[in-house]
C-alpha atoms as a PDB file:
ATOM      1  CA  UNK A   1     -27.762 -73.655 -10.970  1.00  0.00           C
ATOM      2  CA  UNK A   2     -30.516 -71.784 -12.775  1.00  0.00           C
ATOM      3  CA  UNK A   3     -28.500 -71.978 -15.991  1.00  0.00           C
ATOM      4  CA  UNK A   4     -28.234 -75.761 -15.738  1.00  0.00           C
ATOM      5  CA  UNK A   5     -31.942 -76.196 -15.105  1.00  0.00           C
ATOM      6  CA  UNK A   6     -32.754 -73.908 -18.052  1.00  0.00           C
ATOM      7  CA  UNK A   7     -30.359 -75.838 -20.270  1.00  0.00           C
ATOM      8  CA  UNK A   8     -31.879 -79.162 -19.214  1.00  0.00           C
ATOM      9  CA  UNK A   9     -35.382 -77.798 -19.843  1.00  0.00           C
ATOM     10  CA  UNK A  10     -34.342 -76.663 -23.319  1.00  0.00           C
ATOM     11  CA  UNK A  11     -32.827 -80.032 -24.200  1.00  0.00           C
ATOM     12  CA  UNK A  12     -35.841 -81.884 -22.817  1.00  0.00           C
ATOM     13  CA  UNK A  13     -38.404 -79.732 -24.626  1.00  0.00           C
ATOM     14  CA  UNK A  14     -36.623 -79.597 -27.982  1.00  0.00           C
ATOM     15  CA  UNK A  15     -35.398 -83.226 -27.852  1.00  0.00           C
ATOM     16  CA  UNK A  16     -31.758 -82.169 -28.240  1.00  0.00           C
ATOM     17  CA  UNK A  17     -30.168 -84.759 -25.985  1.00  0.00           C
ATOM     18  CA  UNK A  18     -27.289 -85.111 -28.434  1.00  0.00           C
ATOM     19  CA  UNK A  19     -25.930 -81.849 -26.982  1.00  0.00           C
ATOM     20  CA  UNK A  20     -25.224 -83.478 -23.629  1.00  0.00           C
ATOM     21  CA  UNK A  21     -22.124 -85.503 -24.700  1.00  0.00           C
ATOM     22  CA  UNK A  22     -20.716 -82.428 -26.439  1.00  0.00           C
ATOM     23  CA  UNK A  23     -21.132 -80.324 -23.326  1.00  0.00           C
ATOM     24  CA  UNK A  24     -19.510 -82.988 -21.168  1.00  0.00           C
ATOM     25  CA  UNK A  25     -16.508 -83.240 -23.514  1.00  0.00           C
ATOM     26  CA  UNK A  26     -16.106 -79.446 -23.559  1.00  0.00           C
ATOM     27  CA  UNK A  27     -16.244 -79.342 -19.770  1.00  0.00           C
ATOM     28  CA  UNK A  28     -13.642 -82.102 -19.474  1.00  0.00           C
ATOM     29  CA  UNK A  29     -11.271 -80.352 -21.889  1.00  0.00           C
ATOM     30  CA  UNK A  30     -11.749 -77.079 -20.042  1.00  0.00           C
ATOM     31  CA  UNK A  31     -11.007 -78.740 -16.707  1.00  0.00           C
ATOM     32  CA  UNK A  32      -7.934 -80.410 -18.181  1.00  0.00           C
ATOM     33  CA  UNK A  33      -6.583 -77.111 -19.473  1.00  0.00           C
ATOM     34  CA  UNK A  34      -7.382 -75.340 -16.216  1.00  0.00           C
ATOM     35  CA  UNK A  35      -5.759 -77.870 -13.902  1.00  0.00           C
ATOM     36  CA  UNK A  36      -2.747 -78.579 -16.109  1.00  0.00           C
ATOM     37  CA  UNK A  37      -2.108 -74.908 -16.873  1.00  0.00           C
ATOM     38  CA  UNK A  38       0.515 -74.480 -14.172  1.00  0.00           C
ATOM     39  CA  UNK A  39       2.114 -77.894 -14.304  1.00  0.00           C
ATOM     40  CA  UNK A  40       4.913 -79.480 -16.303  1.00  0.00           C
ATOM     41  CA  UNK A  41       2.331 -81.210 -18.501  1.00  0.00           C
ATOM     42  CA  UNK A  42       1.078 -77.896 -19.922  1.00  0.00           C
ATOM     43  CA  UNK A  43       3.420 -77.705 -22.960  1.00  0.00           C
ATOM     44  CA  UNK A  44       2.322 -81.161 -24.078  1.00  0.00           C
ATOM     45  CA  UNK A  45      -1.374 -80.390 -23.692  1.00  0.00           C
ATOM     46  CA  UNK A  46      -1.165 -77.083 -25.552  1.00  0.00           C
ATOM     47  CA  UNK A  47       0.466 -78.787 -28.551  1.00  0.00           C
ATOM     48  CA  UNK A  48      -2.709 -80.869 -28.971  1.00  0.00           C
ATOM     49  CA  UNK A  49      -4.705 -77.736 -29.711  1.00  0.00           C
END
């Protein structure tokens, strides 16, 4: 949790709130690849990248 508080402090101090949507999208894509890695959907997801 220290990493998240440091990241939030950085974005708050430097006024870089535009990074937040990018981080959320990257986390969602990572979760999608992680959870669909062993399923039948995996070949279709990997063709997107």
